[in-house]
Amino acid sequence: MTLASALLVILAAVIHASWNIIAKRAAAVGPAFVFSYNLIACVAYAPWVAYLGVHGGLGWSWRVAPFLFLSGLIHLGYSLCLQLGYQRADLSVVYPVARGTGPMLSSLGAIVILGEAMSWQSLLGLALVIAGIGLVATQGDLSAFRRPGGQAGVVWGSATGGLIAAYTVVDAYAVKTLHASPVFLDWCSNVLRFILLAPLVAASPARALRAMRESWPAAIAVGLLSPLAYILVLVALDDGAPLSVVAPMREMSMMVGALMGMAILREPVGPWRLVGCAVLTAGVVLLSSS
């Protein structure tokens, strides 16, 4: 991986953690917020897509079309699942668990579905990811699982992680193998999410407007930052950076997210959650490099 690609992925990790902090603050708004920031993203990035279209840089082919559609569906599920998770649990639990379980589930899928062999490195990586999730969720106190809502962060974070694993594989294939433009891929994903959520908002526009009354600045910020963070990663992949290196580098956003949750949202992170983030990151690195 070149230094430029590495810097792109590091910048993407910081931006990703930042927009998640903003999304957490607007978690109560629900689907209307997801619809709104997708609208912002569609409008804001349309000129870039138009420029690529004029200059033949979209990488369009009919082989790409199914992956554009599938990517949009998975990203929609991811956006809604993440927002629901933030309604029910702390960002400092949901975010690192989501970012950690994606690579773990990818490895498990390769073993169960594809029959791939598992090395000692992979086994150790899985064990570290599971241990890290436990530390993040419980802060070193296993009785936390027995408390009301104690498992919510792990459940929603793991569900989100599964969707992360799915869209990572789909989008990496579209960019690296089919040569779709990263900007075009992400924009099409946002357009599809916008279209699919439109009937839900149109059913009660007054309610959606009331819900968004104080959340438009957050929607604008997420609409601009969320695509940018992912486009930077896709550009690094398109530039030749291997997915097995990019994936673990992205997970540094777990530590950034936990620290932001503590500093900005005043969530009780504590030393055990920070240790858990570090253990999660080590596990993801082992899984991705095995």
Protein backbone atom coordinates (compact mmCIF):
# COMPACT_ATOMS: atom_id res chain seq x y z
CA MET A 1 0.00 0.00 0.00
CA THR A 2 1.31 3.46 -0.91
CA LEU A 3 1.62 6.27 1.65
CA ALA A 4 -1.15 8.18 -0.15
CA SER A 5 -3.54 5.23 0.14
CA ALA A 6 -2.68 4.77 3.82
CA LEU A 7 -3.36 8.45 4.53
CA LEU A 8 -6.71 8.20 2.72
CA VAL A 9 -7.78 5.27 4.92
CA ILE A 10 -6.63 7.00 8.12
CA LEU A 11 -8.52 10.17 7.18
CA ALA A 12 -11.57 8.06 6.34
CA ALA A 13 -11.46 6.43 9.80
CA VAL A 14 -11.48 9.82 11.56
CA ILE A 15 -14.31 11.14 9.35
CA HIS A 16 -16.28 7.93 9.90
CA ALA A 17 -16.08 8.20 13.68
CA SER A 18 -17.01 11.89 13.47
CA TRP A 19 -20.21 11.39 11.48
CA ASN A 20 -21.25 8.56 13.78
CA ILE A 21 -21.04 10.94 16.74
CA ILE A 22 -23.36 13.32 14.90
CA ALA A 23 -25.74 10.49 13.94
CA LYS A 24 -25.87 9.31 17.54
CA ARG A 25 -27.10 12.75 18.63
CA ALA A 26 -29.95 12.53 16.10
CA ALA A 27 -30.75 8.87 16.83
CA ALA A 28 -34.25 9.61 18.16
CA VAL A 29 -35.37 10.99 14.77
CA GLY A 30 -35.13 7.51 13.18
CA PRO A 31 -35.82 6.80 9.46
CA ALA A 32 -36.64 10.45 8.72
CA PHE A 33 -33.05 11.33 9.61
CA VAL A 34 -31.65 8.58 7.36
CA PHE A 35 -33.89 9.81 4.52
CA SER A 36 -32.77 13.40 5.05
CA TYR A 37 -29.05 12.79 5.07
CA ASN A 38 -29.37 10.56 2.00
CA LEU A 39 -31.19 13.42 0.25
CA ILE A 40 -28.32 15.74 1.15
CA ALA A 41 -25.77 13.21 -0.10
CA CYS A 42 -27.60 12.71 -3.42
CA VAL A 43 -27.74 16.45 -4.11
CA ALA A 44 -24.25 17.30 -2.84
CA TYR A 45 -22.41 14.62 -4.80
CA ALA A 46 -24.48 14.82 -8.02
CA PRO A 47 -22.13 17.40 -9.66
CA TRP A 48 -19.15 15.09 -9.07
CA VAL A 49 -21.03 12.17 -10.63
CA ALA A 50 -22.11 14.37 -13.55
CA TYR A 51 -18.49 15.42 -14.12
CA LEU A 52 -17.38 11.78 -14.18
CA GLY A 53 -20.22 10.98 -16.59
CA VAL A 54 -19.19 13.69 -19.02
CA HIS A 55 -15.57 12.53 -18.94
CA GLY A 56 -16.34 8.81 -19.13
CA GLY A 57 -15.20 8.04 -15.60
CA LEU A 58 -18.25 6.24 -14.18
CA GLY A 59 -16.99 2.74 -14.92
CA TRP A 60 -20.54 1.78 -15.92
CA SER A 61 -21.43 -1.59 -17.43
CA TRP A 62 -24.43 -3.87 -17.15
CA ARG A 63 -22.30 -6.22 -15.08
CA VAL A 64 -22.04 -3.47 -12.46
CA ALA A 65 -25.81 -2.86 -12.24
CA PRO A 66 -26.71 -5.78 -9.91
CA PHE A 67 -23.92 -4.78 -7.54
CA LEU A 68 -25.10 -1.17 -7.46
CA PHE A 69 -28.59 -2.37 -6.51
CA LEU A 70 -27.36 -4.88 -3.94
CA SER A 71 -25.01 -2.32 -2.42
CA GLY A 72 -27.87 0.14 -1.99
CA LEU A 73 -30.07 -2.43 -0.27
CA ILE A 74 -27.35 -3.50 2.15
CA HIS A 75 -26.37 0.09 2.92
CA LEU A 76 -30.02 0.94 3.61
CA GLY A 77 -30.24 -1.93 6.09
CA TYR A 78 -26.96 -0.79 7.65
CA SER A 79 -28.13 2.82 8.02
CA LEU A 80 -31.44 1.87 9.66
CA CYS A 81 -29.86 -0.79 11.88
CA LEU A 82 -27.17 1.63 13.07
CA GLN A 83 -29.73 4.33 13.84
CA LEU A 84 -31.88 1.89 15.84
CA GLY A 85 -28.81 0.72 17.71
CA TYR A 86 -27.96 4.29 18.68
CA GLN A 87 -31.50 4.70 20.01
CA ARG A 88 -31.12 1.71 22.32
CA ALA A 89 -27.51 1.77 23.51
CA ASP A 90 -24.37 3.90 23.90
CA LEU A 91 -22.30 4.78 20.85
CA SER A 92 -19.21 3.60 22.74
CA VAL A 93 -20.73 0.08 22.72
CA VAL A 94 -22.61 -0.09 19.40
CA TYR A 95 -19.90 1.52 17.28
CA PRO A 96 -16.85 -0.60 18.23
CA VAL A 97 -18.91 -3.81 18.32
CA ALA A 98 -20.24 -3.06 14.82
CA ARG A 99 -16.79 -2.27 13.47
CA GLY A 100 -15.28 -5.36 15.10
CA THR A 101 -17.87 -7.98 14.17
CA GLY A 102 -17.77 -7.24 10.43
CA PRO A 103 -14.39 -8.93 9.81
CA MET A 104 -15.23 -11.65 12.35
CA LEU A 105 -18.46 -12.57 10.55
CA SER A 106 -16.69 -12.53 7.19
CA SER A 107 -14.21 -15.10 8.49
CA LEU A 108 -16.94 -17.28 10.00
CA GLY A 109 -18.88 -17.17 6.73
CA ALA A 110 -15.80 -18.31 4.81
CA ILE A 111 -15.45 -21.29 7.14
CA VAL A 112 -19.12 -22.32 7.34
CA ILE A 113 -20.29 -21.51 3.80
CA LEU A 114 -17.13 -21.86 1.72
CA GLY A 115 -15.47 -24.58 3.77
CA GLU A 116 -12.21 -22.66 4.10
CA ALA A 117 -9.63 -23.89 6.60
CA MET A 118 -8.91 -21.78 9.66
CA SER A 119 -5.35 -21.00 10.70
CA TRP A 120 -4.18 -20.47 14.27
CA GLN A 121 -3.93 -16.78 13.41
CA SER A 122 -7.60 -16.68 12.43
CA LEU A 123 -8.64 -18.56 15.58
CA LEU A 124 -6.68 -16.15 17.74
CA GLY A 125 -8.21 -13.21 15.86
CA LEU A 126 -11.74 -14.52 16.44
CA ALA A 127 -11.01 -15.06 20.13
CA LEU A 128 -9.68 -11.51 20.49
CA VAL A 129 -12.69 -10.01 18.71
CA ILE A 130 -15.11 -11.90 20.98
CA ALA A 131 -13.11 -10.91 24.07
CA GLY A 132 -12.97 -7.28 22.93
CA ILE A 133 -16.73 -7.18 22.36
CA GLY A 134 -17.26 -8.54 25.85
CA LEU A 135 -15.00 -5.91 27.41
CA VAL A 136 -16.60 -3.06 25.47
CA ALA A 137 -20.13 -4.17 26.33
CA THR A 138 -19.60 -4.98 30.00
CA GLN A 139 -16.67 -2.74 31.02
CA GLY A 140 -15.16 -5.79 32.67
CA ASP A 141 -18.31 -6.63 34.65
CA LEU A 142 -20.06 -9.71 33.22
CA SER A 143 -23.15 -9.03 35.34
CA ALA A 144 -23.89 -6.17 32.91
CA PHE A 145 -25.43 -8.71 30.53
CA ARG A 146 -28.10 -9.51 33.12
CA ARG A 147 -29.20 -5.91 33.56
CA PRO A 148 -32.15 -4.43 31.65
CA GLY A 149 -30.93 -3.51 28.17
CA GLY A 150 -27.46 -4.84 28.94
CA GLN A 151 -27.32 -6.88 25.72
CA ALA A 152 -28.80 -4.24 23.40
CA GLY A 153 -25.50 -2.71 22.37
CA VAL A 154 -23.99 -6.08 21.47
CA VAL A 155 -27.10 -7.25 19.58
CA TRP A 156 -27.48 -4.11 17.49
CA GLY A 157 -23.74 -3.68 17.04
CA SER A 158 -23.39 -7.28 15.83
CA ALA A 159 -26.31 -6.91 13.41
CA THR A 160 -24.74 -3.76 12.01
CA GLY A 161 -21.39 -5.55 11.77
CA GLY A 162 -22.97 -8.28 9.65
CA LEU A 163 -24.23 -5.68 7.20
CA ILE A 164 -20.80 -4.02 7.15
CA ALA A 165 -19.25 -7.36 6.21
CA ALA A 166 -21.79 -7.80 3.40
CA TYR A 167 -21.41 -4.38 1.79
CA THR A 168 -17.61 -4.44 2.14
CA VAL A 169 -17.36 -7.57 -0.02
CA VAL A 170 -19.95 -6.39 -2.57
CA ASP A 171 -18.44 -2.92 -2.99
CA ALA A 172 -14.83 -4.11 -3.07
CA TYR A 173 -15.73 -6.53 -5.89
CA ALA A 174 -17.54 -3.79 -7.84
CA VAL A 175 -14.60 -1.39 -7.57
CA LYS A 176 -11.59 -3.72 -7.82
CA THR A 177 -12.93 -6.34 -10.28
CA LEU A 178 -15.62 -4.55 -12.28
CA HIS A 179 -13.86 -1.15 -12.11
CA ALA A 180 -16.89 0.89 -11.07
CA SER A 181 -16.11 4.44 -9.97
CA PRO A 182 -16.11 4.70 -6.15
CA VAL A 183 -18.01 8.01 -6.31
CA PHE A 184 -20.60 6.59 -8.72
CA LEU A 185 -21.04 3.42 -6.64
CA ASP A 186 -21.63 5.32 -3.42
CA TRP A 187 -23.92 7.87 -5.07
CA CYS A 188 -26.10 5.16 -6.61
CA SER A 189 -26.32 3.53 -3.19
CA ASN A 190 -27.54 6.81 -1.69
CA VAL A 191 -30.06 7.35 -4.51
CA LEU A 192 -31.55 3.88 -3.98
CA ARG A 193 -31.82 4.44 -0.22
CA PHE A 194 -33.54 7.76 -0.90
CA ILE A 195 -36.05 6.15 -3.27
CA LEU A 196 -36.84 3.26 -0.92
CA LEU A 197 -37.33 5.53 2.09
CA ALA A 198 -39.39 8.15 0.20
CA PRO A 199 -42.76 6.31 0.54
CA LEU A 200 -42.24 6.02 4.30
CA VAL A 201 -41.68 9.77 4.63
CA ALA A 202 -44.40 10.63 2.08
CA ALA A 203 -46.96 8.72 4.16
CA SER A 204 -46.69 11.39 6.85
CA PRO A 205 -44.59 14.35 5.67
CA ALA A 206 -45.76 16.59 8.51
CA ARG A 207 -44.50 14.10 11.08
CA ALA A 208 -41.16 13.79 9.26
CA LEU A 209 -40.74 17.57 9.16
CA ARG A 210 -41.54 17.83 12.87
CA ALA A 211 -39.04 15.10 13.65
CA MET A 212 -36.35 16.85 11.58
CA ARG A 213 -37.09 20.35 12.89
CA GLU A 214 -33.86 20.59 14.90
CA SER A 215 -31.84 17.94 13.09
CA TRP A 216 -31.17 19.48 9.69
CA PRO A 217 -27.62 20.64 10.58
CA ALA A 218 -26.83 17.08 11.68
CA ALA A 219 -28.36 15.67 8.48
CA ILE A 220 -26.28 18.04 6.34
CA ALA A 221 -23.10 17.07 8.20
CA VAL A 222 -23.75 13.33 7.93
CA GLY A 223 -24.89 13.67 4.30
CA LEU A 224 -21.57 15.27 3.41
CA LEU A 225 -19.22 13.28 5.66
CA SER A 226 -20.61 9.75 5.41
CA PRO A 227 -20.15 9.38 1.62
CA LEU A 228 -16.77 11.11 1.80
CA ALA A 229 -15.44 8.66 4.39
CA TYR A 230 -16.48 5.66 2.32
CA ILE A 231 -15.39 7.14 -1.02
CA LEU A 232 -11.87 7.64 0.41
CA VAL A 233 -11.73 3.94 1.31
CA LEU A 234 -13.01 2.88 -2.12
CA VAL A 235 -10.48 5.18 -3.81
CA ALA A 236 -7.69 3.51 -1.82
CA LEU A 237 -8.97 0.10 -2.97
CA ASP A 238 -9.27 1.32 -6.56
CA ASP A 239 -5.69 2.58 -6.32
CA GLY A 240 -4.50 -0.97 -5.71
CA ALA A 241 -4.52 -1.14 -1.90
CA PRO A 242 -5.37 -4.71 -0.79
CA LEU A 243 -8.65 -5.21 1.08
CA SER A 244 -6.81 -7.36 3.62
CA VAL A 245 -4.79 -4.28 4.64
CA VAL A 246 -7.47 -1.62 4.21
CA ALA A 247 -10.02 -3.48 6.38
CA PRO A 248 -7.92 -3.55 9.57
CA MET A 249 -6.67 0.00 9.06
CA ARG A 250 -10.29 1.23 8.97
CA GLU A 251 -10.87 -0.27 12.41
CA MET A 252 -8.76 2.40 14.09
CA SER A 253 -12.04 4.33 13.95
CA MET A 254 -13.22 2.12 16.84
CA MET A 255 -10.78 3.74 19.24
CA VAL A 256 -11.53 7.21 17.82
CA GLY A 257 -15.28 6.58 18.23
CA ALA A 258 -14.93 5.40 21.83
CA LEU A 259 -12.81 8.43 22.73
CA MET A 260 -15.30 10.78 21.05
CA GLY A 261 -18.16 9.08 22.86
CA MET A 262 -16.38 9.78 26.12
CA ALA A 263 -15.25 13.33 25.36
CA ILE A 264 -18.25 14.68 23.41
CA LEU A 265 -21.26 12.61 24.46
CA ARG A 266 -20.03 12.15 28.06
CA GLU A 267 -20.61 8.41 27.85
CA PRO A 268 -19.02 6.29 30.60
CA VAL A 269 -16.24 4.77 28.51
CA GLY A 270 -13.77 3.91 31.25
CA PRO A 271 -10.50 1.96 30.98
CA TRP A 272 -12.15 -1.41 30.24
CA ARG A 273 -13.90 -0.13 27.10
CA LEU A 274 -10.66 1.39 25.87
CA VAL A 275 -8.86 -1.90 26.49
CA GLY A 276 -11.73 -3.67 24.71
CA CYS A 277 -11.33 -1.40 21.67
CA ALA A 278 -7.61 -2.19 21.54
CA VAL A 279 -8.28 -5.95 21.82
CA LEU A 280 -10.96 -5.70 19.10
CA THR A 281 -8.55 -3.87 16.80
CA ALA A 282 -5.83 -6.50 17.35
CA GLY A 283 -8.32 -9.27 16.56
CA VAL A 284 -9.46 -7.57 13.36
CA VAL A 285 -5.84 -7.10 12.24
CA LEU A 286 -5.15 -10.81 12.76
CA LEU A 287 -8.33 -11.84 10.92
CA SER A 288 -7.66 -9.56 7.98
CA SER A 289 -4.01 -10.52 7.59
CA SER A 290 -4.45 -14.28 7.96
